[in-house]
């Protein structure tokens, strides 16, 4: 390990509401820097000296260490963190070994990147709480947007999704209660944005007009089908 991060600094970070990110490639770096932007203290860990130097001054603290080495992780207080992200992708062995150590440390909230379905399945079997498949998830999202019916699309677990879309033609000039969207299509219009206004919550007396943008939520398949209505 580099002497850049004294053990006492790592312990201080672990005691705060902080996150340790193991692996500072594109995925780990993007998460770590975004967390810092939102005010979260981040300890970045990578075995690559160049990546460590590149993040020096960007993250709260950064250290060069082998995330598959249990003693190295103990020295930088990783077992004391409540939240950890495994950003290692291409080296599946390192990803799995790192994740297994975090599980062994009983870190309360573990997130890990998976580059394939089998990789993700093994991470889940190890006990990782949240497995992320960025390429797959982004591919699904972009595919929906390319079709042109949706302005934005977010899919959650447990068969639930939210879509930003234009008001469908059949609802022009109707109050939301009159349009009976939930009763007919099984989805809920939860927010609306008029042309020159900000997003607001909807009510039964919300008027739906041609140039409005709406956010629709509901079961994934029903939400996707509703977005195709013109």
C-alpha atoms as a PDB file:
ATOM      1  CA  UNK A   1       0.000   0.000   0.000  1.00  0.00           C
ATOM      2  CA  UNK A   2       1.020   3.567  -0.520  1.00  0.00           C
ATOM      3  CA  UNK A   3       1.628   5.693   2.610  1.00  0.00           C
ATOM      4  CA  UNK A   4      -0.686   8.274   1.021  1.00  0.00           C
ATOM      5  CA  UNK A   5      -3.557   7.251   3.314  1.00  0.00           C
ATOM      6  CA  UNK A   6      -2.662   6.726   6.985  1.00  0.00           C
ATOM      7  CA  UNK A   7      -4.732   4.121   8.810  1.00  0.00           C
ATOM      8  CA  UNK A   8      -6.178   6.734  11.139  1.00  0.00           C
ATOM      9  CA  UNK A   9      -7.639   8.602   8.151  1.00  0.00           C
ATOM     10  CA  UNK A  10      -9.357   5.454   6.898  1.00  0.00           C
ATOM     11  CA  UNK A  11     -10.770   4.802  10.365  1.00  0.00           C
ATOM     12  CA  UNK A  12     -12.075   8.375  10.516  1.00  0.00           C
ATOM     13  CA  UNK A  13     -13.802   7.942   7.168  1.00  0.00           C
ATOM     14  CA  UNK A  14     -15.281   4.618   8.245  1.00  0.00           C
ATOM     15  CA  UNK A  15     -16.764   6.248  11.328  1.00  0.00           C
ATOM     16  CA  UNK A  16     -18.453   8.907   9.198  1.00  0.00           C
ATOM     17  CA  UNK A  17     -21.364   8.355   6.809  1.00  0.00           C
ATOM     18  CA  UNK A  18     -18.909   7.339   4.096  1.00  0.00           C
ATOM     19  CA  UNK A  19     -18.493   4.856   1.269  1.00  0.00           C
ATOM     20  CA  UNK A  20     -15.497   2.767   0.235  1.00  0.00           C
ATOM     21  CA  UNK A  21     -15.192   2.161  -3.501  1.00  0.00           C
ATOM     22  CA  UNK A  22     -12.944  -0.739  -4.481  1.00  0.00           C
ATOM     23  CA  UNK A  23     -11.824  -0.491  -8.080  1.00  0.00           C
ATOM     24  CA  UNK A  24     -11.449   2.893  -9.750  1.00  0.00           C
ATOM     25  CA  UNK A  25     -11.978   2.021 -13.403  1.00  0.00           C
ATOM     26  CA  UNK A  26     -14.686   3.824 -15.382  1.00  0.00           C
ATOM     27  CA  UNK A  27     -17.569   2.403 -13.357  1.00  0.00           C
ATOM     28  CA  UNK A  28     -16.027   2.774  -9.902  1.00  0.00           C
ATOM     29  CA  UNK A  29     -14.632   6.197 -10.740  1.00  0.00           C
ATOM     30  CA  UNK A  30     -18.011   7.458 -11.964  1.00  0.00           C
ATOM     31  CA  UNK A  31     -19.742   6.312  -8.770  1.00  0.00           C
ATOM     32  CA  UNK A  32     -17.012   7.630  -6.477  1.00  0.00           C
ATOM     33  CA  UNK A  33     -16.819  11.085  -8.066  1.00  0.00           C
ATOM     34  CA  UNK A  34     -20.609  11.424  -8.156  1.00  0.00           C
ATOM     35  CA  UNK A  35     -20.811  10.519  -4.466  1.00  0.00           C
ATOM     36  CA  UNK A  36     -18.243  13.194  -3.658  1.00  0.00           C
ATOM     37  CA  UNK A  37     -20.240  15.749  -5.661  1.00  0.00           C
ATOM     38  CA  UNK A  38     -23.281  15.008  -3.506  1.00  0.00           C
ATOM     39  CA  UNK A  39     -21.309  15.570  -0.306  1.00  0.00           C
ATOM     40  CA  UNK A  40     -20.465  11.967   0.602  1.00  0.00           C
ATOM     41  CA  UNK A  41     -16.960  11.198   1.818  1.00  0.00           C
ATOM     42  CA  UNK A  42     -15.359   8.451  -0.259  1.00  0.00           C
ATOM     43  CA  UNK A  43     -12.340   6.228   0.249  1.00  0.00           C
ATOM     44  CA  UNK A  44     -11.176   5.010  -3.155  1.00  0.00           C
ATOM     45  CA  UNK A  45      -9.086   1.843  -3.413  1.00  0.00           C
ATOM     46  CA  UNK A  46      -7.235   0.451  -6.421  1.00  0.00           C
ATOM     47  CA  UNK A  47      -4.076  -1.569  -7.035  1.00  0.00           C
ATOM     48  CA  UNK A  48      -3.128   0.585 -10.047  1.00  0.00           C
ATOM     49  CA  UNK A  49      -0.829   3.419  -8.995  1.00  0.00           C
ATOM     50  CA  UNK A  50      -1.764   5.583 -11.988  1.00  0.00           C
ATOM     51  CA  UNK A  51      -5.469   5.364 -11.175  1.00  0.00           C
ATOM     52  CA  UNK A  52      -4.756   6.172  -7.550  1.00  0.00           C
ATOM     53  CA  UNK A  53      -2.737   9.238  -8.533  1.00  0.00           C
ATOM     54  CA  UNK A  54      -5.457  10.320 -10.979  1.00  0.00           C
ATOM     55  CA  UNK A  55      -8.025  10.356  -8.176  1.00  0.00           C
ATOM     56  CA  UNK A  56      -5.793  12.050  -5.625  1.00  0.00           C
ATOM     57  CA  UNK A  57      -7.507  15.351  -4.783  1.00  0.00           C
ATOM     58  CA  UNK A  58     -10.704  14.247  -6.511  1.00  0.00           C
ATOM     59  CA  UNK A  59     -11.944  11.800  -3.861  1.00  0.00           C
ATOM     60  CA  UNK A  60     -11.910  12.432  -0.132  1.00  0.00           C
ATOM     61  CA  UNK A  61      -9.087   9.951   0.166  1.00  0.00           C
ATOM     62  CA  UNK A  62      -7.555   7.342  -2.098  1.00  0.00           C
ATOM     63  CA  UNK A  63      -5.151   4.466  -1.434  1.00  0.00           C
ATOM     64  CA  UNK A  64      -3.229   1.941  -3.494  1.00  0.00           C
ATOM     65  CA  UNK A  65      -4.027  -1.536  -2.200  1.00  0.00           C
ATOM     66  CA  UNK A  66      -4.915  -5.046  -3.346  1.00  0.00           C
ATOM     67  CA  UNK A  67      -8.625  -5.462  -2.613  1.00  0.00           C
ATOM     68  CA  UNK A  68      -8.251  -9.261  -2.617  1.00  0.00           C
ATOM     69  CA  UNK A  69      -5.793  -9.121   0.287  1.00  0.00           C
ATOM     70  CA  UNK A  70      -7.597  -9.409   3.606  1.00  0.00           C
ATOM     71  CA  UNK A  71      -4.789  -7.815   5.599  1.00  0.00           C
ATOM     72  CA  UNK A  72      -4.572  -4.859   3.213  1.00  0.00           C
ATOM     73  CA  UNK A  73      -8.306  -4.229   3.587  1.00  0.00           C
ATOM     74  CA  UNK A  74      -8.095  -4.485   7.370  1.00  0.00           C
ATOM     75  CA  UNK A  75      -5.233  -1.961   7.430  1.00  0.00           C
ATOM     76  CA  UNK A  76      -7.405   0.633   5.675  1.00  0.00           C
ATOM     77  CA  UNK A  77     -10.420  -0.107   7.897  1.00  0.00           C
ATOM     78  CA  UNK A  78     -12.664  -1.500   5.135  1.00  0.00           C
ATOM     79  CA  UNK A  79     -14.445  -3.833   7.626  1.00  0.00           C
ATOM     80  CA  UNK A  80     -15.590  -0.735   9.538  1.00  0.00           C
ATOM     81  CA  UNK A  81     -17.449   0.848   6.605  1.00  0.00           C
ATOM     82  CA  UNK A  82     -21.226   0.501   6.420  1.00  0.00           C
ATOM     83  CA  UNK A  83     -21.338   0.845   2.628  1.00  0.00           C
ATOM     84  CA  UNK A  84     -19.011  -0.570  -0.011  1.00  0.00           C
ATOM     85  CA  UNK A  85     -18.978  -0.645  -3.807  1.00  0.00           C
ATOM     86  CA  UNK A  86     -17.032  -3.227  -5.824  1.00  0.00           C
ATOM     87  CA  UNK A  87     -16.337  -1.454  -9.103  1.00  0.00           C
ATOM     88  CA  UNK A  88     -14.093  -4.210 -10.490  1.00  0.00           C
ATOM     89  CA  UNK A  89     -15.487  -5.582 -13.726  1.00  0.00           C
ATOM     90  CA  UNK A  90     -13.071  -7.161 -16.188  1.00  0.00           C
ATOM     91  CA  UNK A  91     -11.117  -9.145 -13.579  1.00  0.00           C
ATOM     92  CA  UNK A  92     -13.912 -11.461 -12.429  1.00  0.00           C
ATOM     93  CA  UNK A  93     -11.687 -13.359 -10.010  1.00  0.00           C
ATOM     94  CA  UNK A  94     -10.687 -10.136  -8.243  1.00  0.00           C
ATOM     95  CA  UNK A  95     -14.316  -9.007  -8.222  1.00  0.00           C
ATOM     96  CA  UNK A  96     -15.505 -12.217  -6.572  1.00  0.00           C
ATOM     97  CA  UNK A  97     -12.661 -12.372  -4.059  1.00  0.00           C
ATOM     98  CA  UNK A  98     -13.195  -8.746  -3.080  1.00  0.00           C
ATOM     99  CA  UNK A  99     -16.929  -9.250  -2.726  1.00  0.00           C
ATOM    100  CA  UNK A 100     -16.453 -12.391  -0.640  1.00  0.00           C
ATOM    101  CA  UNK A 101     -14.173 -10.508   1.765  1.00  0.00           C
ATOM    102  CA  UNK A 102     -16.758  -7.748   2.172  1.00  0.00           C
ATOM    103  CA  UNK A 103     -19.383 -10.387   2.943  1.00  0.00           C
ATOM    104  CA  UNK A 104     -16.977 -12.005   5.405  1.00  0.00           C
ATOM    105  CA  UNK A 105     -16.491  -8.586   7.049  1.00  0.00           C
ATOM    106  CA  UNK A 106     -20.299  -8.330   7.307  1.00  0.00           C
ATOM    107  CA  UNK A 107     -20.389  -4.919   5.629  1.00  0.00           C
ATOM    108  CA  UNK A 108     -24.094  -3.949   5.916  1.00  0.00           C
ATOM    109  CA  UNK A 109     -24.559  -2.657   2.369  1.00  0.00           C
ATOM    110  CA  UNK A 110     -22.523  -4.113  -0.494  1.00  0.00           C
ATOM    111  CA  UNK A 111     -22.914  -3.081  -4.135  1.00  0.00           C
ATOM    112  CA  UNK A 112     -21.043  -4.811  -6.946  1.00  0.00           C
ATOM    113  CA  UNK A 113     -20.769  -4.547 -10.715  1.00  0.00           C
ATOM    114  CA  UNK A 114     -21.488  -7.647 -12.813  1.00  0.00           C
ATOM    115  CA  UNK A 115     -20.334  -7.952 -16.421  1.00  0.00           C
ATOM    116  CA  UNK A 116     -22.436 -11.018 -17.218  1.00  0.00           C
ATOM    117  CA  UNK A 117     -25.407 -12.959 -15.913  1.00  0.00           C
ATOM    118  CA  UNK A 118     -23.260 -15.780 -14.447  1.00  0.00           C
ATOM    119  CA  UNK A 119     -21.016 -13.192 -12.779  1.00  0.00           C
ATOM    120  CA  UNK A 120     -24.054 -11.509 -11.258  1.00  0.00           C
ATOM    121  CA  UNK A 121     -25.509 -14.822 -10.110  1.00  0.00           C
ATOM    122  CA  UNK A 122     -22.311 -15.744  -8.275  1.00  0.00           C
ATOM    123  CA  UNK A 123     -22.126 -12.318  -6.629  1.00  0.00           C
ATOM    124  CA  UNK A 124     -25.680 -12.791  -5.389  1.00  0.00           C
ATOM    125  CA  UNK A 125     -24.873 -16.287  -4.125  1.00  0.00           C
ATOM    126  CA  UNK A 126     -21.895 -14.873  -2.237  1.00  0.00           C
ATOM    127  CA  UNK A 127     -24.241 -12.560  -0.373  1.00  0.00           C
ATOM    128  CA  UNK A 128     -23.812  -9.244  -2.212  1.00  0.00           C
ATOM    129  CA  UNK A 129     -26.875  -7.139  -1.446  1.00  0.00           C
ATOM    130  CA  UNK A 130     -27.097  -5.177  -4.715  1.00  0.00           C
ATOM    131  CA  UNK A 131     -25.734  -6.457  -8.031  1.00  0.00           C
ATOM    132  CA  UNK A 132     -25.510  -3.910 -10.855  1.00  0.00           C
ATOM    133  CA  UNK A 133     -25.313  -4.785 -14.547  1.00  0.00           C
ATOM    134  CA  UNK A 134     -24.701  -1.342 -16.096  1.00  0.00           C
ATOM    135  CA  UNK A 135     -24.249  -2.458 -19.705  1.00  0.00           C
ATOM    136  CA  UNK A 136     -27.402  -4.609 -19.676  1.00  0.00           C
ATOM    137  CA  UNK A 137     -29.506  -2.025 -17.840  1.00  0.00           C
ATOM    138  CA  UNK A 138     -28.338   0.846 -20.030  1.00  0.00           C
ATOM    139  CA  UNK A 139     -28.947  -1.236 -23.143  1.00  0.00           C
ATOM    140  CA  UNK A 140     -32.559  -1.868 -22.121  1.00  0.00           C
ATOM    141  CA  UNK A 141     -33.091   1.800 -21.302  1.00  0.00           C
ATOM    142  CA  UNK A 142     -31.619   3.059 -24.562  1.00  0.00           C
ATOM    143  CA  UNK A 143     -33.609   0.498 -26.558  1.00  0.00           C
ATOM    144  CA  UNK A 144     -36.825   1.921 -25.118  1.00  0.00           C
ATOM    145  CA  UNK A 145     -35.757   5.485 -25.900  1.00  0.00           C
ATOM    146  CA  UNK A 146     -34.668   4.635 -29.451  1.00  0.00           C
ATOM    147  CA  UNK A 147     -38.193   3.467 -30.211  1.00  0.00           C
ATOM    148  CA  UNK A 148     -39.225   7.110 -29.775  1.00  0.00           C
ATOM    149  CA  UNK A 149     -42.285   6.599 -27.587  1.00  0.00           C
ATOM    150  CA  UNK A 150     -40.546   7.493 -24.345  1.00  0.00           C
ATOM    151  CA  UNK A 151     -38.611  10.577 -23.302  1.00  0.00           C
ATOM    152  CA  UNK A 152     -36.991   8.724 -20.410  1.00  0.00           C
ATOM    153  CA  UNK A 153     -37.297   5.306 -18.809  1.00  0.00           C
ATOM    154  CA  UNK A 154     -36.352   3.858 -15.412  1.00  0.00           C
ATOM    155  CA  UNK A 155     -36.978   0.244 -14.482  1.00  0.00           C
ATOM    156  CA  UNK A 156     -36.887  -0.858 -10.867  1.00  0.00           C
ATOM    157  CA  UNK A 157     -36.820  -4.294  -9.285  1.00  0.00           C
ATOM    158  CA  UNK A 158     -39.990  -6.237  -8.581  1.00  0.00           C
ATOM    159  CA  UNK A 159     -41.710  -5.467 -11.883  1.00  0.00           C
ATOM    160  CA  UNK A 160     -42.056  -1.679 -11.582  1.00  0.00           C
ATOM    161  CA  UNK A 161     -41.097   1.126 -13.955  1.00  0.00           C
ATOM    162  CA  UNK A 162     -41.447   4.870 -14.509  1.00  0.00           C
ATOM    163  CA  UNK A 163     -41.678   6.549 -17.891  1.00  0.00           C
ATOM    164  CA  UNK A 164     -41.480  10.164 -18.969  1.00  0.00           C
ATOM    165  CA  UNK A 165     -43.596  10.665 -22.077  1.00  0.00           C
ATOM    166  CA  UNK A 166     -45.866  13.012 -23.969  1.00  0.00           C
ATOM    167  CA  UNK A 167     -49.569  13.147 -23.182  1.00  0.00           C
ATOM    168  CA  UNK A 168     -51.319  10.571 -25.388  1.00  0.00           C
ATOM    169  CA  UNK A 169     -53.795  11.957 -27.915  1.00  0.00           C
ATOM    170  CA  UNK A 170     -56.886  10.408 -26.310  1.00  0.00           C
ATOM    171  CA  UNK A 171     -56.286  12.468 -23.127  1.00  0.00           C
ATOM    172  CA  UNK A 172     -55.959  15.904 -24.754  1.00  0.00           C
ATOM    173  CA  UNK A 173     -58.192  18.430 -23.021  1.00  0.00           C
ATOM    174  CA  UNK A 174     -59.353  16.019 -20.328  1.00  0.00           C
ATOM    175  CA  UNK A 175     -58.998  16.179 -16.563  1.00  0.00           C
ATOM    176  CA  UNK A 176     -56.893  13.314 -15.243  1.00  0.00           C
ATOM    177  CA  UNK A 177     -59.887  11.909 -13.376  1.00  0.00           C
ATOM    178  CA  UNK A 178     -61.952  11.936 -16.566  1.00  0.00           C
ATOM    179  CA  UNK A 179     -59.255  10.201 -18.615  1.00  0.00           C
ATOM    180  CA  UNK A 180     -59.501   7.107 -16.345  1.00  0.00           C
ATOM    181  CA  UNK A 181     -55.933   6.084 -17.143  1.00  0.00           C
ATOM    182  CA  UNK A 182     -55.438   3.999 -14.018  1.00  0.00           C
ATOM    183  CA  UNK A 183     -58.755   2.181 -14.376  1.00  0.00           C
ATOM    184  CA  UNK A 184     -58.226   1.467 -18.073  1.00  0.00           C
ATOM    185  CA  UNK A 185     -54.485   0.864 -18.369  1.00  0.00           C
ATOM    186  CA  UNK A 186     -53.386  -0.050 -14.846  1.00  0.00           C
ATOM    187  CA  UNK A 187     -50.799   2.753 -14.564  1.00  0.00           C
ATOM    188  CA  UNK A 188     -50.696   6.037 -12.660  1.00  0.00           C
ATOM    189  CA  UNK A 189     -49.782   9.508 -13.908  1.00  0.00           C
ATOM    190  CA  UNK A 190     -47.848  10.850 -10.930  1.00  0.00           C
ATOM    191  CA  UNK A 191     -46.396  14.117 -12.232  1.00  0.00           C
ATOM    192  CA  UNK A 192     -46.853  16.631 -15.031  1.00  0.00           C
ATOM    193  CA  UNK A 193     -44.897  19.459 -16.580  1.00  0.00           C
ATOM    194  CA  UNK A 194     -46.506  22.206 -18.587  1.00  0.00           C
ATOM    195  CA  UNK A 195     -44.469  23.917 -21.303  1.00  0.00           C
ATOM    196  CA  UNK A 196     -43.086  26.762 -19.185  1.00  0.00           C
ATOM    197  CA  UNK A 197     -43.542  25.342 -15.685  1.00  0.00           C
ATOM    198  CA  UNK A 198     -41.768  22.979 -13.328  1.00  0.00           C
ATOM    199  CA  UNK A 199     -42.767  19.404 -12.542  1.00  0.00           C
ATOM    200  CA  UNK A 200     -45.768  19.167 -10.200  1.00  0.00           C
ATOM    201  CA  UNK A 201     -47.730  16.308  -8.682  1.00  0.00           C
ATOM    202  CA  UNK A 202     -50.981  15.422 -10.383  1.00  0.00           C
ATOM    203  CA  UNK A 203     -54.503  15.350  -8.980  1.00  0.00           C
ATOM    204  CA  UNK A 204     -57.887  14.271 -10.339  1.00  0.00           C
ATOM    205  CA  UNK A 205     -58.501  17.817 -11.596  1.00  0.00           C
ATOM    206  CA  UNK A 206     -55.163  18.131 -13.426  1.00  0.00           C
ATOM    207  CA  UNK A 207     -55.817  19.156 -17.034  1.00  0.00           C
ATOM    208  CA  UNK A 208     -53.934  17.114 -19.634  1.00  0.00           C
ATOM    209  CA  UNK A 209     -52.941  19.038 -22.751  1.00  0.00           C
ATOM    210  CA  UNK A 210     -51.103  18.379 -25.993  1.00  0.00           C
ATOM    211  CA  UNK A 211     -47.677  19.783 -25.112  1.00  0.00           C
ATOM    212  CA  UNK A 212     -47.541  18.393 -21.577  1.00  0.00           C
ATOM    213  CA  UNK A 213     -44.885  15.980 -20.400  1.00  0.00           C
ATOM    214  CA  UNK A 214     -46.064  13.387 -17.898  1.00  0.00           C
ATOM    215  CA  UNK A 215     -44.435  10.770 -15.668  1.00  0.00           C
ATOM    216  CA  UNK A 216     -46.253   7.454 -15.567  1.00  0.00           C
ATOM    217  CA  UNK A 217     -45.578   4.697 -13.018  1.00  0.00           C
ATOM    218  CA  UNK A 218     -46.791   1.136 -12.724  1.00  0.00           C
ATOM    219  CA  UNK A 219     -46.047  -2.520 -13.533  1.00  0.00           C
ATOM    220  CA  UNK A 220     -43.243  -2.679 -16.091  1.00  0.00           C
ATOM    221  CA  UNK A 221     -45.177  -4.283 -18.958  1.00  0.00           C
ATOM    222  CA  UNK A 222     -48.253  -2.098 -18.520  1.00  0.00           C
ATOM    223  CA  UNK A 223     -46.124   1.038 -18.332  1.00  0.00           C
ATOM    224  CA  UNK A 224     -44.246   0.102 -21.503  1.00  0.00           C
ATOM    225  CA  UNK A 225     -47.502  -0.625 -23.324  1.00  0.00           C
ATOM    226  CA  UNK A 226     -49.070   2.649 -22.224  1.00  0.00           C
ATOM    227  CA  UNK A 227     -46.043   4.588 -23.514  1.00  0.00           C
ATOM    228  CA  UNK A 228     -46.745   3.222 -27.000  1.00  0.00           C
ATOM    229  CA  UNK A 229     -50.179   4.836 -27.119  1.00  0.00           C
ATOM    230  CA  UNK A 230     -50.097   7.929 -29.321  1.00  0.00           C
END
